[in-house]
C-alpha atoms as a PDB file:
ATOM      1  CA  MET A   1     -35.670 -56.528 126.167  1.00  0.00           C
ATOM      2  CA  SER A   2     -32.357 -55.437 128.373  1.00  0.00           C
ATOM      3  CA  ARG A   3     -31.157 -52.550 127.151  1.00  0.00           C
ATOM      4  CA  LYS A   4     -28.134 -55.474 126.431  1.00  0.00           C
ATOM      5  CA  HIS A   5     -29.310 -56.467 123.680  1.00  0.00           C
ATOM      6  CA  LEU A   6     -31.793 -53.697 122.366  1.00  0.00           C
ATOM      7  CA  CYS A   7     -27.717 -52.203 121.155  1.00  0.00           C
ATOM      8  CA  ILE A   8     -26.901 -55.645 119.920  1.00  0.00           C
ATOM      9  CA  PHE A   9     -30.315 -56.023 117.596  1.00  0.00           C
ATOM     10  CA  GLY A  10     -29.182 -52.114 116.850  1.00  0.00           C
ATOM     11  CA  LEU A  11     -25.653 -53.114 115.308  1.00  0.00           C
ATOM     12  CA  ILE A  12     -26.929 -56.310 113.839  1.00  0.00           C
ATOM     13  CA  VAL A  13     -29.371 -53.597 111.682  1.00  0.00           C
ATOM     14  CA  LEU A  14     -26.496 -51.402 110.813  1.00  0.00           C
ATOM     15  CA  LEU A  15     -24.077 -53.691 110.099  1.00  0.00           C
ATOM     16  CA  GLY A  16     -27.682 -55.556 108.001  1.00  0.00           C
ATOM     17  CA  SER A  17     -27.577 -51.662 105.960  1.00  0.00           C
ATOM     18  CA  ALA A  18     -24.337 -50.557 105.682  1.00  0.00           C
ATOM     19  CA  ALA A  19     -23.632 -54.189 103.489  1.00  0.00           C
ATOM     20  CA  ARG A  20     -27.016 -53.520 101.560  1.00  0.00           C
ATOM     21  CA  ALA A  21     -25.697 -50.206 100.286  1.00  0.00           C
ATOM     22  CA  ASP A  22     -21.468 -51.208  98.995  1.00  0.00           C
ATOM     23  CA  ALA A  23     -23.920 -54.504  97.288  1.00  0.00           C
ATOM     24  CA  GLN A  24     -25.890 -50.809  95.233  1.00  0.00           C
ATOM     25  CA  LEU A  25     -21.867 -49.563  94.544  1.00  0.00           C
ATOM     26  CA  THR A  26     -20.612 -49.570  90.878  1.00  0.00           C
ATOM     27  CA  VAL A  27     -16.941 -50.856  90.440  1.00  0.00           C
ATOM     28  CA  PHE A  28     -14.770 -48.529  87.719  1.00  0.00           C
ATOM     29  CA  ASP A  29     -12.206 -50.412  85.802  1.00  0.00           C
ATOM     30  CA  PRO A  30     -10.091 -48.559  84.637  1.00  0.00           C
ATOM     31  CA  ALA A  31      -8.832 -50.873  81.977  1.00  0.00           C
ATOM     32  CA  ASN A  32     -12.560 -50.877  80.663  1.00  0.00           C
ATOM     33  CA  PHE A  33     -13.296 -47.498  80.978  1.00  0.00           C
ATOM     34  CA  GLY A  34      -9.850 -47.012  78.214  1.00  0.00           C
ATOM     35  CA  GLN A  35     -11.226 -49.026  75.776  1.00  0.00           C
ATOM     36  CA  ASN A  36     -14.514 -47.992  75.464  1.00  0.00           C
ATOM     37  CA  THR A  37     -13.228 -44.015  75.005  1.00  0.00           C
ATOM     38  CA  LEU A  38     -10.677 -45.883  72.733  1.00  0.00           C
ATOM     39  CA  THR A  39     -13.554 -47.406  70.301  1.00  0.00           C
ATOM     40  CA  ALA A  40     -15.645 -44.380  70.695  1.00  0.00           C
ATOM     41  CA  ALA A  41     -12.589 -42.442  69.629  1.00  0.00           C
ATOM     42  CA  ARG A  42     -12.531 -45.002  66.817  1.00  0.00           C
ATOM     43  CA  SER A  43     -16.160 -45.120  65.246  1.00  0.00           C
ATOM     44  CA  LEU A  44     -16.490 -40.649  65.807  1.00  0.00           C
ATOM     45  CA  MET A  45     -13.168 -40.502  63.324  1.00  0.00           C
ATOM     46  CA  GLU A  46     -15.243 -43.703  61.322  1.00  0.00           C
ATOM     47  CA  VAL A  47     -17.434 -41.203  60.638  1.00  0.00           C
ATOM     48  CA  ASN A  48     -15.482 -38.547  60.319  1.00  0.00           C
ATOM     49  CA  ASN A  49     -14.067 -40.233  57.339  1.00  0.00           C
ATOM     50  CA  GLN A  50     -17.846 -41.147  56.012  1.00  0.00           C
ATOM     51  CA  ILE A  51     -18.817 -37.293  55.527  1.00  0.00           C
ATOM     52  CA  LYS A  52     -15.527 -36.434  54.035  1.00  0.00           C
ATOM     53  CA  GLN A  53     -16.231 -39.554  52.101  1.00  0.00           C
ATOM     54  CA  LEU A  54     -19.681 -38.182  51.097  1.00  0.00           C
ATOM     55  CA  GLU A  55     -18.360 -34.079  50.943  1.00  0.00           C
ATOM     56  CA  ASN A  56     -15.456 -35.206  47.865  1.00  0.00           C
ATOM     57  CA  GLU A  57     -18.420 -37.167  45.663  1.00  0.00           C
ATOM     58  CA  ALA A  58     -20.716 -34.745  45.921  1.00  0.00           C
ATOM     59  CA  THR A  59     -17.142 -31.658  44.773  1.00  0.00           C
ATOM     60  CA  MET A  60     -17.199 -34.246  41.998  1.00  0.00           C
ATOM     61  CA  LEU A  61     -20.152 -33.828  41.384  1.00  0.00           C
ATOM     62  CA  ILE A  62     -20.753 -30.665  40.572  1.00  0.00           C
ATOM     63  CA  ASN A  63     -17.262 -30.658  38.925  1.00  0.00           C
ATOM     64  CA  GLU A  64     -18.803 -33.340  36.828  1.00  0.00           C
ATOM     65  CA  ALA A  65     -22.609 -30.981  36.528  1.00  0.00           C
ATOM     66  CA  ARG A  66     -19.583 -27.679  35.936  1.00  0.00           C
ATOM     67  CA  ASN A  67     -17.921 -29.693  33.566  1.00  0.00           C
ATOM     68  CA  LEU A  68     -21.016 -31.324  31.240  1.00  0.00           C
ATOM     69  CA  THR A  69     -22.246 -27.951  30.929  1.00  0.00           C
ATOM     70  CA  SER A  70     -22.411 -27.123  27.213  1.00  0.00           C
ATOM     71  CA  LEU A  71     -21.780 -23.689  26.107  1.00  0.00           C
ATOM     72  CA  PRO A  72     -24.248 -21.488  26.126  1.00  0.00           C
ATOM     73  CA  PHE A  73     -22.971 -19.679  22.598  1.00  0.00           C
ATOM     74  CA  ASN A  74     -22.229 -20.737  18.665  1.00  0.00           C
ATOM     75  CA  ILE A  75     -21.004 -18.785  16.043  1.00  0.00           C
ATOM     76  CA  VAL A  76     -20.800 -21.817  13.267  1.00  0.00           C
ATOM     77  CA  ALA A  77     -24.045 -20.556  11.604  1.00  0.00           C
ATOM     78  CA  GLN A  78     -22.612 -17.575  11.310  1.00  0.00           C
ATOM     79  CA  LEU A  79     -19.050 -18.468  10.124  1.00  0.00           C
ATOM     80  CA  ARG A  80     -21.270 -21.047   7.600  1.00  0.00           C
ATOM     81  CA  ALA A  81     -22.557 -17.757   6.430  1.00  0.00           C
ATOM     82  CA  THR A  82     -20.162 -15.621   5.469  1.00  0.00           C
ATOM     83  CA  LEU A  83     -18.875 -18.427   4.106  1.00  0.00           C
ATOM     84  CA  ALA A  84     -21.505 -18.980   2.273  1.00  0.00           C
ATOM     85  CA  GLN A  85     -21.172 -15.463   0.684  1.00  0.00           C
ATOM     86  CA  THR A  86     -17.481 -15.035  -0.629  1.00  0.00           C
ATOM     87  CA  THR A  87     -17.935 -18.751  -2.118  1.00  0.00           C
ATOM     88  CA  ALA A  88     -21.229 -16.902  -3.431  1.00  0.00           C
ATOM     89  CA  LEU A  89     -19.435 -14.465  -4.632  1.00  0.00           C
ATOM     90  CA  ILE A  90     -16.952 -16.554  -6.557  1.00  0.00           C
ATOM     91  CA  ASN A  91     -19.405 -18.663  -7.891  1.00  0.00           C
ATOM     92  CA  GLN A  92     -21.432 -15.868  -9.441  1.00  0.00           C
ATOM     93  CA  ALA A  93     -18.106 -14.284 -11.501  1.00  0.00           C
ATOM     94  CA  GLN A  94     -18.928 -13.796 -14.984  1.00  0.00           C
ATOM     95  CA  GLY A  95     -16.090 -14.658 -17.685  1.00  0.00           C
ATOM     96  CA  ILE A  96     -14.262 -17.984 -17.557  1.00  0.00           C
ATOM     97  CA  VAL A  97     -16.332 -20.430 -14.941  1.00  0.00           C
ATOM     98  CA  PHE A  98     -14.163 -21.610 -12.286  1.00  0.00           C
ATOM     99  CA  GLN A  99     -14.771 -25.041 -13.051  1.00  0.00           C
ATOM    100  CA  LEU A 100     -11.232 -27.040 -14.522  1.00  0.00           C
ATOM    101  CA  ALA A 101     -12.496 -28.895 -17.694  1.00  0.00           C
ATOM    102  CA  GLN A 102     -15.420 -25.685 -18.518  1.00  0.00           C
ATOM    103  CA  THR A 103     -12.430 -23.688 -17.593  1.00  0.00           C
ATOM    104  CA  ARG A 104     -10.223 -25.498 -20.208  1.00  0.00           C
ATOM    105  CA  ALA A 105     -12.649 -25.394 -23.107  1.00  0.00           C
ATOM    106  CA  GLN A 106     -13.049 -21.792 -23.151  1.00  0.00           C
ATOM    107  CA  PHE A 107      -9.114 -20.867 -22.162  1.00  0.00           C
ATOM    108  CA  ASP A 108      -8.608 -22.428 -25.323  1.00  0.00           C
ATOM    109  CA  GLY A 109     -10.739 -21.672 -27.706  1.00  0.00           C
ATOM    110  CA  GLY A 110     -10.322 -17.617 -26.276  1.00  0.00           C
ATOM    111  CA  TYR A 111      -6.703 -17.888 -25.463  1.00  0.00           C
ATOM    112  CA  PRO A 112      -4.870 -19.410 -29.523  1.00  0.00           C
ATOM    113  CA  MET A 113      -1.083 -19.167 -29.271  1.00  0.00           C
ATOM    114  CA  ASN A 114      -1.575 -18.564 -33.914  1.00  0.00           C
ATOM    115  CA  TYR A 115      -4.468 -17.689 -35.298  1.00  0.00           C
ATOM    116  CA  SER A 116      -5.152 -19.966 -38.722  1.00  0.00           C
ATOM    117  CA  PRO A 117      -5.395 -17.572 -42.672  1.00  0.00           C
ATOM    118  CA  SER A 118      -8.974 -19.506 -42.117  1.00  0.00           C
ATOM    119  CA  ILE A 119     -10.288 -17.170 -39.552  1.00  0.00           C
ATOM    120  CA  SER A 120     -12.185 -14.398 -40.037  1.00  0.00           C
ATOM    121  CA  GLY A 121     -11.086 -10.963 -38.587  1.00  0.00           C
ATOM    122  CA  ALA A 122     -14.218 -10.981 -37.005  1.00  0.00           C
ATOM    123  CA  THR A 123     -13.874 -13.650 -35.511  1.00  0.00           C
ATOM    124  CA  MET A 124     -10.515 -12.311 -34.410  1.00  0.00           C
ATOM    125  CA  PHE A 125     -12.571  -9.719 -32.892  1.00  0.00           C
ATOM    126  CA  ALA A 126     -15.171 -10.939 -30.925  1.00  0.00           C
ATOM    127  CA  ASP A 127     -12.156 -13.670 -29.359  1.00  0.00           C
ATOM    128  CA  SER A 128     -10.429  -9.872 -28.320  1.00  0.00           C
ATOM    129  CA  GLN A 129     -14.036  -8.065 -27.233  1.00  0.00           C
ATOM    130  CA  GLN A 130     -14.371 -12.040 -25.097  1.00  0.00           C
ATOM    131  CA  ARG A 131     -10.501 -11.612 -23.866  1.00  0.00           C
ATOM    132  CA  TRP A 132     -11.492  -8.745 -22.212  1.00  0.00           C
ATOM    133  CA  PHE A 133     -14.944  -9.312 -20.950  1.00  0.00           C
ATOM    134  CA  ASN A 134     -12.844 -12.218 -19.098  1.00  0.00           C
ATOM    135  CA  SER A 135     -10.300  -9.674 -17.552  1.00  0.00           C
ATOM    136  CA  LEU A 136     -12.766  -7.529 -16.672  1.00  0.00           C
ATOM    137  CA  GLN A 137     -14.566  -9.285 -14.943  1.00  0.00           C
ATOM    138  CA  ALA A 138     -12.058 -10.922 -13.518  1.00  0.00           C
ATOM    139  CA  LEU A 139     -10.764  -8.080 -11.594  1.00  0.00           C
ATOM    140  CA  ARG A 140     -14.903  -6.881 -10.998  1.00  0.00           C
ATOM    141  CA  THR A 141     -15.058 -10.462  -8.625  1.00  0.00           C
ATOM    142  CA  THR A 142     -11.512  -9.595  -7.270  1.00  0.00           C
ATOM    143  CA  VAL A 143     -12.123  -5.905  -5.849  1.00  0.00           C
ATOM    144  CA  SER A 144     -16.259  -8.070  -4.543  1.00  0.00           C
ATOM    145  CA  MET A 145     -14.034 -10.357  -2.674  1.00  0.00           C
ATOM    146  CA  GLN A 146     -11.744  -7.555  -0.973  1.00  0.00           C
ATOM    147  CA  ALA A 147     -15.148  -5.647  -0.407  1.00  0.00           C
ATOM    148  CA  GLN A 148     -17.257  -8.557   1.845  1.00  0.00           C
ATOM    149  CA  ALA A 149     -12.875  -9.310   3.335  1.00  0.00           C
ATOM    150  CA  ALA A 150     -13.010  -5.738   4.375  1.00  0.00           C
ATOM    151  CA  GLN A 151     -16.719  -6.018   5.484  1.00  0.00           C
ATOM    152  CA  ASN A 152     -15.888  -9.563   7.093  1.00  0.00           C
ATOM    153  CA  LEU A 153     -13.216  -7.652   9.682  1.00  0.00           C
ATOM    154  CA  SER A 154     -15.734  -6.070  11.990  1.00  0.00           C
ATOM    155  CA  SER A 155     -18.042  -8.959  12.483  1.00  0.00           C
ATOM    156  CA  ASP A 156     -14.765 -10.960  12.820  1.00  0.00           C
ATOM    157  CA  GLU A 157     -13.394  -8.755  15.558  1.00  0.00           C
ATOM    158  CA  ASP A 158     -16.473  -9.076  17.542  1.00  0.00           C
ATOM    159  CA  SER A 159     -16.764 -12.780  17.519  1.00  0.00           C
ATOM    160  CA  LEU A 160     -13.296 -13.283  18.621  1.00  0.00           C
ATOM    161  CA  ALA A 161     -13.997 -10.683  20.930  1.00  0.00           C
ATOM    162  CA  THR A 162     -16.814 -12.648  22.665  1.00  0.00           C
ATOM    163  CA  LEU A 163     -15.607 -15.733  21.981  1.00  0.00           C
ATOM    164  CA  VAL A 164     -12.239 -14.942  24.286  1.00  0.00           C
ATOM    165  CA  ALA A 165     -14.614 -13.872  26.825  1.00  0.00           C
ATOM    166  CA  ARG A 166     -17.262 -16.747  26.700  1.00  0.00           C
ATOM    167  CA  SER A 167     -13.547 -18.926  27.196  1.00  0.00           C
ATOM    168  CA  GLN A 168     -12.088 -16.748  30.698  1.00  0.00           C
ATOM    169  CA  GLU A 169     -15.871 -17.097  31.977  1.00  0.00           C
ATOM    170  CA  ALA A 170     -16.264 -20.865  31.460  1.00  0.00           C
ATOM    171  CA  ILE A 171     -17.215 -22.765  33.966  1.00  0.00           C
ATOM    172  CA  GLY A 172     -16.062 -26.180  33.117  1.00  0.00           C
ATOM    173  CA  ALA A 173     -14.029 -28.140  30.761  1.00  0.00           C
ATOM    174  CA  LEU A 174     -17.052 -28.552  27.964  1.00  0.00           C
ATOM    175  CA  GLN A 175     -17.628 -24.925  28.199  1.00  0.00           C
ATOM    176  CA  ALA A 176     -13.666 -24.309  27.357  1.00  0.00           C
ATOM    177  CA  MET A 177     -13.502 -26.899  25.108  1.00  0.00           C
ATOM    178  CA  GLN A 178     -16.363 -24.956  22.633  1.00  0.00           C
ATOM    179  CA  ALA A 179     -15.085 -22.035  23.536  1.00  0.00           C
ATOM    180  CA  THR A 180     -12.087 -23.617  21.454  1.00  0.00           C
ATOM    181  CA  ASN A 181     -13.048 -24.927  18.320  1.00  0.00           C
ATOM    182  CA  GLN A 182     -15.304 -22.358  17.809  1.00  0.00           C
ATOM    183  CA  LEU A 183     -11.812 -20.444  17.732  1.00  0.00           C
ATOM    184  CA  LEU A 184     -10.340 -22.428  15.046  1.00  0.00           C
ATOM    185  CA  ALA A 185     -13.782 -22.822  13.189  1.00  0.00           C
ATOM    186  CA  LEU A 186     -12.831 -18.991  13.293  1.00  0.00           C
ATOM    187  CA  GLN A 187      -9.704 -19.158  12.451  1.00  0.00           C
ATOM    188  CA  SER A 188     -10.291 -21.622   9.534  1.00  0.00           C
ATOM    189  CA  ARG A 189     -12.901 -19.711   8.025  1.00  0.00           C
ATOM    190  CA  GLN A 190     -10.646 -16.790   8.028  1.00  0.00           C
ATOM    191  CA  THR A 191      -7.840 -18.871   6.319  1.00  0.00           C
ATOM    192  CA  ILE A 192     -10.571 -20.587   3.266  1.00  0.00           C
ATOM    193  CA  GLN A 193     -11.439 -16.571   3.102  1.00  0.00           C
ATOM    194  CA  ASP A 194      -8.119 -15.649   1.776  1.00  0.00           C
ATOM    195  CA  GLN A 195      -7.633 -18.718  -0.509  1.00  0.00           C
ATOM    196  CA  GLN A 196     -10.611 -17.529  -1.693  1.00  0.00           C
ATOM    197  CA  LEU A 197      -8.788 -13.519  -2.003  1.00  0.00           C
ATOM    198  CA  ARG A 198      -5.774 -15.013  -3.143  1.00  0.00           C
ATOM    199  CA  LEU A 199      -7.669 -17.727  -5.507  1.00  0.00           C
ATOM    200  CA  THR A 200      -9.347 -14.928  -7.248  1.00  0.00           C
ATOM    201  CA  GLN A 201      -5.904 -12.792  -7.475  1.00  0.00           C
ATOM    202  CA  ASP A 202      -4.395 -14.033  -8.999  1.00  0.00           C
ATOM    203  CA  ARG A 203      -7.151 -15.621 -11.532  1.00  0.00           C
ATOM    204  CA  ALA A 204      -7.279 -12.126 -12.631  1.00  0.00           C
ATOM    205  CA  VAL A 205      -3.304 -11.643 -13.258  1.00  0.00           C
ATOM    206  CA  ALA A 206      -2.940 -15.227 -15.126  1.00  0.00           C
ATOM    207  CA  LEU A 207      -6.338 -13.682 -17.603  1.00  0.00           C
ATOM    208  CA  GLU A 208      -5.095 -10.409 -18.176  1.00  0.00           C
ATOM    209  CA  GLN A 209      -1.841 -11.800 -19.537  1.00  0.00           C
ATOM    210  CA  ALA A 210      -2.979 -14.144 -21.469  1.00  0.00           C
ATOM    211  CA  ARG A 211      -5.302 -11.164 -22.541  1.00  0.00           C
ATOM    212  CA  VAL A 212      -1.596  -9.834 -23.545  1.00  0.00           C
ATOM    213  CA  VAL A 213      -0.666 -13.309 -25.556  1.00  0.00           C
ATOM    214  CA  GLY A 214      -3.954 -13.279 -27.274  1.00  0.00           C
ATOM    215  CA  GLU A 215      -3.846  -9.706 -28.941  1.00  0.00           C
ATOM    216  CA  GLU A 216      -0.562 -10.872 -29.675  1.00  0.00           C
ATOM    217  CA  ALA A 217      -1.558 -13.621 -31.691  1.00  0.00           C
ATOM    218  CA  ARG A 218      -4.449 -11.248 -33.468  1.00  0.00           C
ATOM    219  CA  ALA A 219      -1.529  -8.637 -33.234  1.00  0.00           C
ATOM    220  CA  ARG A 220      -0.045 -11.425 -35.815  1.00  0.00           C
ATOM    221  CA  GLU A 221      -2.116 -12.394 -37.824  1.00  0.00           C
ATOM    222  CA  VAL A 222      -3.488  -9.780 -39.062  1.00  0.00           C
ATOM    223  CA  ARG A 223      -0.262  -8.190 -39.257  1.00  0.00           C
ATOM    224  CA  ARG A 224       0.564 -11.293 -41.480  1.00  0.00           C
ATOM    225  CA  ARG A 225      -2.635 -10.862 -43.560  1.00  0.00           C
ATOM    226  CA  PHE A 226      -1.878  -6.905 -43.666  1.00  0.00           C
ATOM    227  CA  VAL A 227       1.751  -7.344 -45.440  1.00  0.00           C
ATOM    228  CA  GLY A 228       0.642 -10.268 -47.388  1.00  0.00           C
ATOM    229  CA  GLU A 229       2.932 -13.791 -48.660  1.00  0.00           C
ATOM    230  CA  GLY A 230       3.865 -12.331 -52.553  1.00  0.00           C
ATOM    231  CA  VAL A 231       6.899 -12.024 -53.825  1.00  0.00           C
ATOM    232  CA  ARG A 232       7.291  -7.586 -51.969  1.00  0.00           C
ATOM    233  CA  TYR A 233       8.377  -5.076 -53.777  1.00  0.00           C
ATOM    234  CA  THR A 234      11.856  -4.358 -55.286  1.00  0.00           C
ATOM    235  CA  PRO A 235      12.793  -1.134 -56.735  1.00  0.00           C
ATOM    236  CA  GLN A 236      15.024  -1.347 -60.120  1.00  0.00           C
ATOM    237  CA  ALA A 237      16.774   1.806 -61.567  1.00  0.00           C
ATOM    238  CA  ILE A 238      14.735   3.103 -65.591  1.00  0.00           C
ATOM    239  CA  SER A 239      16.086   4.980 -68.146  1.00  0.00           C
ATOM    240  CA  GLY A 240      14.182   7.128 -69.452  1.00  0.00           C
ATOM    241  CA  PHE A 241      15.110   9.539 -73.490  1.00  0.00           C
ATOM    242  CA  GLY A 242      17.908   7.878 -74.323  1.00  0.00           C
ATOM    243  CA  PHE A 243      19.582   8.199 -71.537  1.00  0.00           C
END
């Protein structure tokens, strides 16, 4: 082979190698690249939105768990026990009872408007003693109720401070609601105690007034019996020694 032929053959080989190299190169498409980039960005945004949604749901679940957390403090039993003490003082009261039917019967029997002439003096004296006893017992019950109310003040102050602190430290709606309900229960118990105290005070005043009226009725009958109902003595002038 001549030198000329060798040059031509080499040139052909070089041209073939260059064609194969060009066939292996990737063609860059700007439009396709932009679309792929936009799709990837949108996918990333969707993933981020899903993550945020999951975080919000987790926060909601945590808040719901807090809202359902019960308050680890209950004052209702203490309030019932305190109210039971004041109620027991009323139930233990002697003299005129706190029952409507029995009160009427005892009052009508021991506090008559008038005494008939057939009633003995011993019976009137016994009624007077019973009225005095009823007034004394009513005053004693009132004083006991006042002492119990004063004793409850310190425990009520402690309970109020605890409930206010629990309410301020509440971690959820349920705890705040329960603390509020217990504060209302404390207020209701105090209101009931005030009503009981006024009841015993008013009762003591009423029985004392009734005792005074009963004593007036007894005094009238005693005076009537002492004076009598016959013809009163009328002084008359007399003459003597012939004058």
